[in-house]
Amino acid sequence: MSQSQPLPVILIDDEHHIRMAAGQTLELAGYELSTLERAEPALELLGEDWPGIVVTDINLPGIDGLELMRRVQGIDPDLPVILITGHGDISMAVGAIRDGAYDFIEKPFASELLLDVVRRALDKRSLTLENRRLKDELEAQDAPGPRIIGKTPAIRALRQLSRSVAGMPADILIQAETGCGKDLLARYLHEHGSRREHNFVAINCGAVPDNLIESELFGHEAGAFTDAKTQRIGKFEHANGGTLFLDEIESMPMALQIKLLRVLEERAIERLGSNDVIPLDLRVIAATKVDLKAEAEAGRFREDLYYRLNVVRLDIPPLRERREDIPLLFQHFVLVASSLYGREIPQLSAERMHSLMTHDWPGNVRELRNLAERYVLLGEGCTFDFDNRPITADDAADGMTLPEQVERFEKMLIHTELGRHGGSIKDTLASLGVPRKTLYDKMKKYGLDKNDYKQ
């Protein structure tokens, strides 16, 4: 199969003449060859989704070929390893194939045999990677609703917990500062659960006047009160079968909290002005920007309602506590804004990115999203509101040493370029101007995985 770039092959053998002869054969065939006499350096060249294969002798000083194969499988179980064997190693090689080796070649071997096995292994590798890419794309396209973007440990944990509870019937309490994405998380839970085919109904309890919120939630019959000229279906009834999202639950009047508690326990409502009981089958997701337990202890929120809502609690960390996600989030919002406004994406300078990384983000993700949209519209003419703030001692990265700050900045640059290029190693190499091995070493050092950046 034709390739736009030479595919990499690592050849490992401690015998010089084998490395020379087999290496020459592979180079003349157009492969990107790395020849080694020991196995240990090969592990530094490998990474998940590395596009090549490994050809290794079984008998090596230090790590032998079988141990190397096991370690390669730990990096990527689908990466083909071809074993070179002596006459006495054939039974061992057959056992290795049962354990996952792609194939083996017995010494002495003809050049044609080596090329045939290598070609087939590389074809298999290319097909495996292509299938992975297509699977990732299909999963991304099929994934309903919003995504929880980020790769910091706190966000990974939030994403995992959210997936595990999305299909459960239990009510959920979301706690986070303003602008962290409570509405997005609630929609994520709805779209990834069994109620996705039914309504997702949201109401901000702090935005509805106290004298109207009961009617908004439970509905009313015609004539139930002054100006109630027609029947109205409330939010609970409209969400029946689906999900009701109560944002800023801490703003709900105390008198209404009693009625809400009864509805949550009985799963039934009565419209204002009616005695008919309407059964409900829905999930309730409540969200708050305050410590609801502290509010309950202070007598400003019903304690029994707090415990009824707090069956499962999801906490969204503020943006200042997940700074490593800032480049990925900013790039995502820039792409969305670029598509929305039909504008090209302007290049973000390292200085501007440093400003993003050191800002405290009191408005959290919402503030970052608004800035990204403004940047797409205005380009370099966009003024970051925090660009001209005075430099303080706090800017010394919380007491980090100079080498630590350099490492953080280096990680941020690689993180940004991987995000900008959708995880493409080729494009990231071109933009950073570093050798492939250097980039892989840095990515391994900082725990960066190109798959996390695929669009």
Protein backbone atom coordinates (compact mmCIF):
# COMPACT_ATOMS: atom_id res chain seq x y z
CA MET A 1 0.00 0.00 0.00
CA SER A 2 1.32 3.47 -0.87
CA GLN A 3 2.40 5.79 1.92
CA SER A 4 2.99 9.54 1.85
CA GLN A 5 5.87 9.19 4.31
CA PRO A 6 8.36 6.37 4.97
CA LEU A 7 7.07 4.08 7.70
CA PRO A 8 9.37 3.53 10.68
CA VAL A 9 10.99 0.19 11.47
CA ILE A 10 13.15 -0.47 14.54
CA LEU A 11 15.71 -3.25 13.98
CA ILE A 12 17.44 -4.64 17.08
CA ASP A 13 20.26 -7.19 16.92
CA ASP A 14 23.55 -7.38 18.80
CA GLU A 15 25.31 -8.93 15.79
CA HIS A 16 26.87 -6.19 13.65
CA HIS A 17 26.66 -8.07 10.34
CA ILE A 18 22.93 -8.79 10.84
CA ARG A 19 22.23 -5.13 11.55
CA MET A 20 24.19 -4.07 8.49
CA ALA A 21 22.70 -6.58 6.04
CA ALA A 22 19.09 -6.44 7.22
CA GLY A 23 19.33 -2.68 7.74
CA GLN A 24 20.54 -2.12 4.20
CA THR A 25 17.68 -4.25 2.86
CA LEU A 26 15.10 -2.23 4.75
CA GLU A 27 16.60 1.14 3.88
CA LEU A 28 16.72 0.28 0.18
CA ALA A 29 13.03 -0.65 0.44
CA GLY A 30 12.31 2.91 1.59
CA TYR A 31 11.61 2.41 5.28
CA GLU A 32 12.61 4.89 7.99
CA LEU A 33 15.08 2.68 9.85
CA SER A 34 16.48 2.80 13.38
CA THR A 35 19.11 0.13 14.12
CA LEU A 36 20.01 -0.75 17.70
CA GLU A 37 22.17 -3.38 19.38
CA ARG A 38 20.22 -3.30 22.66
CA ALA A 39 16.49 -3.25 23.40
CA GLU A 40 16.37 -0.56 26.08
CA PRO A 41 16.70 2.49 23.75
CA ALA A 42 13.85 1.19 21.59
CA LEU A 43 11.33 1.73 24.40
CA GLU A 44 12.12 5.44 24.38
CA LEU A 45 11.14 5.67 20.70
CA LEU A 46 7.76 4.03 21.10
CA GLY A 47 4.42 5.51 22.01
CA GLU A 48 0.76 4.65 21.66
CA ASP A 49 -0.28 4.89 17.99
CA TRP A 50 3.37 4.96 16.84
CA PRO A 51 2.98 3.99 13.16
CA GLY A 52 5.85 1.49 12.82
CA ILE A 53 6.89 -2.01 13.85
CA VAL A 54 9.72 -3.63 15.82
CA VAL A 55 12.04 -6.35 14.46
CA THR A 56 14.18 -7.82 17.23
CA ASP A 57 16.49 -10.73 17.93
CA ILE A 58 15.39 -12.91 20.83
CA ASN A 59 18.86 -13.21 22.38
CA LEU A 60 20.05 -9.76 23.41
CA PRO A 61 22.18 -8.38 26.24
CA GLY A 62 20.08 -6.82 28.99
CA ILE A 63 16.37 -6.96 28.04
CA ASP A 64 15.90 -9.90 25.67
CA GLY A 65 13.50 -9.92 22.73
CA LEU A 66 10.69 -11.67 24.63
CA GLU A 67 10.80 -9.20 27.50
CA LEU A 68 10.91 -6.34 24.99
CA MET A 69 7.80 -7.77 23.33
CA ARG A 70 5.98 -7.82 26.66
CA ARG A 71 6.94 -4.21 27.36
CA VAL A 72 5.89 -3.13 23.86
CA GLN A 73 2.50 -4.76 24.46
CA GLY A 74 2.21 -2.66 27.60
CA ILE A 75 2.64 0.46 25.47
CA ASP A 76 0.34 -0.69 22.67
CA PRO A 77 -0.88 -4.32 22.56
CA ASP A 78 -1.53 -4.05 18.80
CA LEU A 79 2.00 -2.94 17.84
CA PRO A 80 3.56 -5.76 15.72
CA VAL A 81 6.80 -7.31 17.00
CA ILE A 82 8.74 -9.62 14.65
CA LEU A 83 11.24 -11.95 16.32
CA ILE A 84 14.57 -13.04 14.82
CA THR A 85 15.48 -16.50 16.05
CA GLY A 86 18.37 -18.90 16.01
CA HIS A 87 17.75 -22.59 15.28
CA GLY A 88 17.37 -23.42 18.95
CA ASP A 89 14.83 -20.67 19.57
CA ILE A 90 12.07 -21.88 17.26
CA SER A 91 9.91 -23.51 19.96
CA MET A 92 10.33 -20.36 22.06
CA ALA A 93 9.29 -18.21 19.09
CA VAL A 94 6.20 -20.34 18.45
CA GLY A 95 5.20 -19.82 22.08
CA ALA A 96 5.82 -16.09 21.68
CA ILE A 97 3.38 -15.97 18.75
CA ARG A 98 0.74 -17.46 21.03
CA ASP A 99 1.58 -14.62 23.45
CA GLY A 100 1.12 -11.94 20.80
CA ALA A 101 4.24 -11.75 18.60
CA TYR A 102 3.36 -10.98 14.97
CA ASP A 103 5.79 -13.47 13.37
CA PHE A 104 9.32 -14.83 13.56
CA ILE A 105 12.20 -15.21 11.10
CA GLU A 106 14.83 -17.89 11.50
CA LYS A 107 18.49 -17.10 10.89
CA PRO A 108 19.87 -17.10 8.27
CA PHE A 109 17.02 -15.48 6.33
CA ALA A 110 16.66 -14.20 2.78
CA SER A 111 16.10 -10.50 2.13
CA GLU A 112 12.84 -11.28 0.33
CA LEU A 113 11.48 -13.07 3.40
CA LEU A 114 12.36 -10.16 5.68
CA LEU A 115 10.72 -7.64 3.35
CA ASP A 116 7.58 -9.76 2.99
CA VAL A 117 7.09 -10.14 6.75
CA VAL A 118 7.85 -6.46 7.40
CA ARG A 119 5.46 -5.32 4.67
CA ARG A 120 2.62 -7.46 6.01
CA ALA A 121 3.25 -6.28 9.57
CA LEU A 122 3.24 -2.64 8.50
CA ASP A 123 0.05 -3.16 6.50
CA LYS A 124 -1.57 -4.60 9.61
CA ARG A 125 -0.29 -1.69 11.69
CA SER A 126 -1.65 0.89 9.25
CA LEU A 127 -5.03 -0.85 9.19
CA THR A 128 -5.14 -0.99 13.00
CA LEU A 129 -4.41 2.72 13.34
CA GLU A 130 -6.90 3.62 10.63
CA ASN A 131 -9.61 1.60 12.37
CA ARG A 132 -8.80 3.34 15.66
CA ARG A 133 -9.04 6.74 14.00
CA LEU A 134 -12.38 5.93 12.39
CA LYS A 135 -13.71 4.53 15.66
CA ASP A 136 -12.69 7.69 17.52
CA GLU A 137 -14.32 9.85 14.86
CA LEU A 138 -17.53 7.83 14.95
CA GLU A 139 -17.68 7.96 18.73
CA ALA A 140 -17.09 11.71 18.65
CA GLN A 141 -19.82 12.21 16.02
CA ASP A 142 -22.28 9.89 17.73
CA ALA A 143 -21.70 11.29 21.21
CA PRO A 144 -24.87 13.28 21.94
CA GLY A 145 -24.93 16.72 23.48
CA PRO A 146 -22.11 18.64 25.11
CA ARG A 147 -18.71 17.27 26.06
CA ILE A 148 -16.73 17.62 29.27
CA ILE A 149 -13.46 19.00 27.90
CA GLY A 150 -10.19 18.66 29.77
CA LYS A 151 -7.47 16.23 30.77
CA THR A 152 -6.51 17.30 34.28
CA PRO A 153 -7.03 14.62 36.94
CA ALA A 154 -10.03 16.45 38.43
CA ILE A 155 -11.81 16.66 35.07
CA ARG A 156 -10.97 13.07 34.17
CA ALA A 157 -12.47 11.98 37.50
CA LEU A 158 -15.55 14.17 36.92
CA ARG A 159 -16.02 12.73 33.43
CA GLN A 160 -15.71 9.16 34.70
CA LEU A 161 -18.13 9.71 37.59
CA SER A 162 -20.60 11.52 35.32
CA ARG A 163 -20.60 8.64 32.85
CA SER A 164 -21.15 6.11 35.62
CA VAL A 165 -24.18 7.93 37.08
CA ALA A 166 -25.68 9.26 33.83
CA GLY A 167 -27.85 6.19 33.34
CA MET A 168 -28.89 5.88 36.98
CA PRO A 169 -32.31 7.14 38.17
CA ALA A 170 -30.91 8.95 41.23
CA ASP A 171 -31.27 12.73 41.59
CA ILE A 172 -28.02 14.67 41.39
CA LEU A 173 -26.63 17.82 42.99
CA ILE A 174 -24.02 19.85 41.07
CA GLN A 175 -21.91 22.31 43.04
CA ALA A 176 -19.59 24.81 41.36
CA GLU A 177 -18.75 28.48 41.14
CA THR A 178 -20.53 30.73 38.67
CA GLY A 179 -19.37 30.16 35.10
CA CYS A 180 -17.97 26.64 35.59
CA GLY A 181 -20.54 24.94 33.36
CA LYS A 182 -23.23 23.54 35.65
CA ASP A 183 -25.81 23.75 32.86
CA LEU A 184 -23.46 21.95 30.45
CA LEU A 185 -22.85 19.13 32.95
CA ALA A 186 -26.58 18.75 33.54
CA ARG A 187 -27.18 18.48 29.79
CA TYR A 188 -24.31 15.99 29.52
CA LEU A 189 -25.94 13.78 32.16
CA HIS A 190 -29.28 13.96 30.35
CA GLU A 191 -27.88 13.24 26.89
CA HIS A 192 -25.79 10.30 28.12
CA GLY A 193 -28.62 8.74 30.11
CA SER A 194 -31.69 6.66 29.29
CA ARG A 195 -33.96 9.75 29.24
CA ARG A 196 -32.24 11.44 26.30
CA GLU A 197 -35.27 10.95 24.02
CA HIS A 198 -37.44 13.02 26.38
CA ASN A 199 -37.38 16.67 27.41
CA PHE A 200 -34.54 18.42 29.19
CA VAL A 201 -36.21 21.31 31.03
CA ALA A 202 -34.15 23.98 32.79
CA ILE A 203 -35.28 26.73 35.15
CA ASN A 204 -33.18 29.24 37.05
CA CYS A 205 -34.74 29.47 40.48
CA GLY A 206 -33.07 32.81 41.11
CA ALA A 207 -34.44 34.44 37.96
CA VAL A 208 -38.16 33.83 38.58
CA PRO A 209 -40.08 36.12 40.95
CA ASP A 210 -41.18 34.43 44.17
CA ASN A 211 -44.86 34.94 43.37
CA LEU A 212 -44.53 33.14 40.02
CA ILE A 213 -42.11 30.31 40.68
CA GLU A 214 -44.72 27.92 42.11
CA SER A 215 -46.81 28.30 38.97
CA GLU A 216 -43.68 27.91 36.80
CA LEU A 217 -42.79 24.64 38.51
CA PHE A 218 -46.19 23.01 39.07
CA GLY A 219 -48.43 24.74 36.53
CA HIS A 220 -51.97 26.02 37.18
CA GLU A 221 -55.55 25.67 36.09
CA ALA A 222 -57.57 28.49 34.54
CA GLY A 223 -58.86 30.75 37.30
CA ALA A 224 -56.42 29.47 39.92
CA PHE A 225 -55.44 33.08 40.66
CA THR A 226 -55.78 36.55 39.19
CA ASP A 227 -54.67 36.64 35.52
CA ALA A 228 -54.68 32.82 35.29
CA LYS A 229 -56.95 32.87 32.25
CA THR A 230 -55.84 29.54 30.76
CA GLN A 231 -54.36 26.30 31.93
CA ARG A 232 -50.56 26.23 32.16
CA ILE A 233 -48.31 23.16 32.15
CA GLY A 234 -45.48 23.57 34.68
CA LYS A 235 -41.81 22.65 34.33
CA PHE A 236 -42.20 19.41 36.30
CA GLU A 237 -45.00 18.17 34.07
CA HIS A 238 -43.22 19.30 30.89
CA ALA A 239 -40.13 17.36 31.98
CA ASN A 240 -42.08 14.18 32.69
CA GLY A 241 -40.12 11.24 31.29
CA GLY A 242 -36.99 13.37 31.01
CA THR A 243 -34.86 15.62 33.19
CA LEU A 244 -35.67 18.76 35.20
CA PHE A 245 -32.68 21.02 35.90
CA LEU A 246 -33.11 23.40 38.85
CA ASP A 247 -30.30 25.93 38.68
CA GLU A 248 -29.46 28.18 41.64
CA ILE A 249 -31.55 25.95 43.89
CA GLU A 250 -30.30 27.97 46.88
CA SER A 251 -32.52 30.86 45.69
CA MET A 252 -35.75 28.90 45.99
CA PRO A 253 -38.09 30.41 48.62
CA MET A 254 -38.21 28.45 51.87
CA ALA A 255 -41.97 27.89 51.62
CA LEU A 256 -41.60 26.35 48.18
CA GLN A 257 -38.77 24.10 49.36
CA ILE A 258 -41.28 22.20 51.49
CA LYS A 259 -43.44 21.50 48.43
CA LEU A 260 -40.40 20.55 46.37
CA LEU A 261 -39.36 18.03 49.01
CA ARG A 262 -42.81 16.42 48.88
CA VAL A 263 -42.71 16.23 45.08
CA LEU A 264 -39.27 14.61 45.13
CA GLU A 265 -40.43 12.02 47.64
CA GLU A 266 -43.85 11.27 46.13
CA ARG A 267 -42.93 11.86 42.46
CA ALA A 268 -46.30 13.53 41.87
CA ILE A 269 -47.65 17.09 41.58
CA GLU A 270 -50.94 18.97 41.69
CA ARG A 271 -51.39 22.01 39.48
CA LEU A 272 -52.40 25.18 41.33
CA GLY A 273 -56.19 25.26 41.49
CA SER A 274 -56.55 21.50 40.99
CA ASN A 275 -56.88 18.47 43.23
CA ASP A 276 -55.87 16.00 40.54
CA VAL A 277 -52.59 14.21 41.26
CA ILE A 278 -50.26 13.91 38.26
CA PRO A 279 -47.64 11.12 38.65
CA LEU A 280 -44.12 11.92 37.51
CA ASP A 281 -41.30 9.83 36.11
CA LEU A 282 -38.31 12.13 35.83
CA ARG A 283 -34.84 12.82 37.13
CA VAL A 284 -34.12 16.06 38.99
CA ILE A 285 -30.70 17.67 38.73
CA ALA A 286 -30.16 20.62 41.06
CA ALA A 287 -27.22 23.03 40.92
CA THR A 288 -25.82 25.54 43.36
CA LYS A 289 -22.95 28.01 43.45
CA VAL A 290 -22.80 28.00 47.27
CA ASP A 291 -22.02 25.41 49.93
CA LEU A 292 -25.55 24.10 50.31
CA LYS A 293 -24.72 22.14 53.45
CA ALA A 294 -23.44 25.30 55.13
CA GLU A 295 -26.61 27.10 54.00
CA ALA A 296 -28.69 24.34 55.57
CA GLU A 297 -26.73 24.49 58.82
CA ALA A 298 -27.22 28.27 58.89
CA GLY A 299 -31.01 27.83 58.48
CA ARG A 300 -31.15 29.43 55.01
CA PHE A 301 -31.96 26.15 53.23
CA ARG A 302 -34.02 23.19 54.39
CA GLU A 303 -31.72 20.50 55.70
CA ASP A 304 -34.07 17.66 54.74
CA LEU A 305 -34.25 18.97 51.18
CA TYR A 306 -30.46 19.22 51.03
CA TYR A 307 -30.05 15.57 51.96
CA ARG A 308 -32.82 14.56 49.54
CA LEU A 309 -31.08 16.35 46.68
CA ASN A 310 -27.59 15.24 47.67
CA VAL A 311 -27.95 11.59 46.61
CA VAL A 312 -25.08 12.00 44.16
CA ARG A 313 -22.95 15.14 44.22
CA LEU A 314 -20.74 16.33 41.36
CA ASP A 315 -18.24 19.11 41.98
CA ILE A 316 -16.84 21.10 39.05
CA PRO A 317 -13.43 22.60 39.89
CA PRO A 318 -12.92 26.30 39.12
CA LEU A 319 -10.74 27.11 36.13
CA ARG A 320 -7.89 28.42 38.30
CA GLU A 321 -7.54 24.91 39.73
CA ARG A 322 -7.31 23.26 36.30
CA ARG A 323 -4.98 25.62 34.45
CA GLU A 324 -3.58 22.86 32.23
CA ASP A 325 -7.01 22.65 30.55
CA ILE A 326 -6.97 26.33 29.56
CA PRO A 327 -5.20 25.87 26.15
CA LEU A 328 -7.50 22.98 25.19
CA LEU A 329 -10.64 24.86 26.24
CA PHE A 330 -9.54 28.08 24.54
CA GLN A 331 -8.80 26.20 21.31
CA HIS A 332 -12.22 24.51 21.46
CA PHE A 333 -14.04 27.81 21.95
CA VAL A 334 -11.98 29.44 19.18
CA LEU A 335 -12.96 26.64 16.76
CA VAL A 336 -16.63 26.99 17.67
CA ALA A 337 -16.53 30.78 17.29
CA SER A 338 -14.64 30.51 13.99
CA SER A 339 -17.34 28.24 12.59
CA LEU A 340 -20.14 30.43 14.00
CA TYR A 341 -18.82 33.74 12.65
CA GLY A 342 -17.13 32.43 9.50
CA ARG A 343 -13.79 33.92 10.51
CA GLU A 344 -10.30 32.48 10.22
CA ILE A 345 -8.59 31.47 13.45
CA PRO A 346 -5.87 33.99 14.35
CA GLN A 347 -2.54 32.67 15.65
CA LEU A 348 -2.18 33.10 19.40
CA SER A 349 1.22 34.33 20.52
CA ALA A 350 3.13 32.65 23.33
CA GLU A 351 2.85 35.86 25.36
CA ARG A 352 -0.93 35.86 25.05
CA MET A 353 -1.09 32.18 26.00
CA HIS A 354 1.08 32.93 29.03
CA SER A 355 -1.46 35.61 30.00
CA LEU A 356 -4.26 33.05 29.75
CA MET A 357 -2.33 30.61 31.92
CA THR A 358 -1.56 33.09 34.69
CA HIS A 359 -4.97 34.81 34.90
CA ASP A 360 -7.15 33.85 37.89
CA TRP A 361 -10.38 33.57 35.85
CA PRO A 362 -12.97 34.80 38.35
CA GLY A 363 -15.62 34.19 35.66
CA ASN A 364 -14.28 30.68 35.07
CA VAL A 365 -15.00 28.87 31.78
CA ARG A 366 -17.68 31.37 30.76
CA GLU A 367 -15.11 34.18 30.92
CA LEU A 368 -12.66 32.13 28.84
CA ARG A 369 -15.33 31.34 26.24
CA ASN A 370 -16.29 35.00 25.90
CA LEU A 371 -12.64 35.97 25.47
CA ALA A 372 -12.16 33.29 22.79
CA GLU A 373 -15.16 34.61 20.84
CA ARG A 374 -13.86 38.18 21.13
CA TYR A 375 -10.43 37.04 19.95
CA VAL A 376 -11.89 35.38 16.84
CA LEU A 377 -13.83 38.55 16.00
CA LEU A 378 -11.01 41.05 16.70
CA GLY A 379 -7.83 38.98 16.21
CA GLU A 380 -4.65 40.54 17.55
CA GLY A 381 -6.63 43.73 18.08
CA CYS A 382 -8.47 41.98 20.89
CA THR A 383 -7.46 43.34 24.28
CA PHE A 384 -7.25 40.77 27.04
CA ASP A 385 -8.78 42.52 30.02
CA PHE A 386 -5.96 41.32 32.22
CA ASP A 387 -3.06 42.09 29.80
CA ASN A 388 -2.18 45.38 31.45
CA ARG A 389 -2.48 44.41 35.08
CA PRO A 390 0.60 45.16 37.19
CA ILE A 391 3.07 42.31 37.67
CA THR A 392 3.11 41.09 41.25
CA ALA A 393 5.10 38.61 43.28
CA ASP A 394 2.25 36.13 42.75
CA ASP A 395 3.22 35.90 39.08
CA ALA A 396 6.32 33.92 40.08
CA ALA A 397 4.15 30.83 39.65
CA ASP A 398 3.40 30.26 43.31
CA GLY A 399 7.02 30.12 44.39
CA MET A 400 8.16 27.78 41.61
CA THR A 401 11.85 27.74 40.76
CA LEU A 402 13.02 29.00 37.37
CA PRO A 403 13.52 25.46 35.97
CA GLU A 404 10.03 24.52 37.18
CA GLN A 405 8.54 27.59 35.50
CA VAL A 406 10.43 26.82 32.28
CA GLU A 407 9.09 23.26 32.33
CA ARG A 408 5.54 24.50 32.88
CA PHE A 409 5.86 26.95 29.99
CA GLU A 410 7.37 24.23 27.76
CA LYS A 411 4.53 21.86 28.62
CA MET A 412 2.01 24.60 27.92
CA LEU A 413 3.49 25.27 24.46
CA ILE A 414 3.43 21.60 23.46
CA HIS A 415 -0.07 21.28 24.93
CA THR A 416 -1.22 24.30 22.90
CA GLU A 417 0.26 23.13 19.60
CA LEU A 418 -1.15 19.61 19.96
CA GLY A 419 -4.56 21.14 20.59
CA ARG A 420 -4.22 23.59 17.68
CA HIS A 421 -3.35 20.75 15.28
CA GLY A 422 -5.88 18.23 16.58
CA GLY A 423 -3.20 15.89 17.92
CA SER A 424 -1.29 15.71 14.62
CA ILE A 425 2.34 14.88 15.44
CA LYS A 426 3.50 15.92 11.97
CA ASP A 427 1.99 19.42 12.20
CA THR A 428 3.09 19.84 15.82
CA LEU A 429 6.67 18.97 14.85
CA ALA A 430 6.57 21.56 12.09
CA SER A 431 5.21 24.32 14.33
CA LEU A 432 7.61 23.65 17.21
CA GLY A 433 10.65 22.92 15.02
CA VAL A 434 11.91 19.99 17.11
CA PRO A 435 12.97 16.43 16.17
CA ARG A 436 10.35 13.69 16.43
CA LYS A 437 12.18 11.90 19.26
CA THR A 438 12.47 15.14 21.23
CA LEU A 439 8.73 15.74 20.93
CA TYR A 440 7.88 12.18 21.97
CA ASP A 441 10.27 12.43 24.93
CA LYS A 442 8.70 15.70 26.06
CA MET A 443 5.17 14.36 25.63
CA LYS A 444 6.05 11.31 27.70
CA LYS A 445 7.69 13.50 30.35
CA TYR A 446 4.63 15.73 30.68
CA GLY A 447 2.02 13.00 30.31
CA LEU A 448 0.61 14.36 27.03
CA ASP A 449 -1.26 11.98 24.70
CA LYS A 450 -2.08 13.06 21.15
CA ASN A 451 -5.41 11.20 21.31
CA ASP A 452 -6.63 13.69 23.90
CA TYR A 453 -6.46 16.43 21.27
CA LYS A 454 -8.28 14.82 18.35
CA GLN A 455 -11.13 16.98 17.17
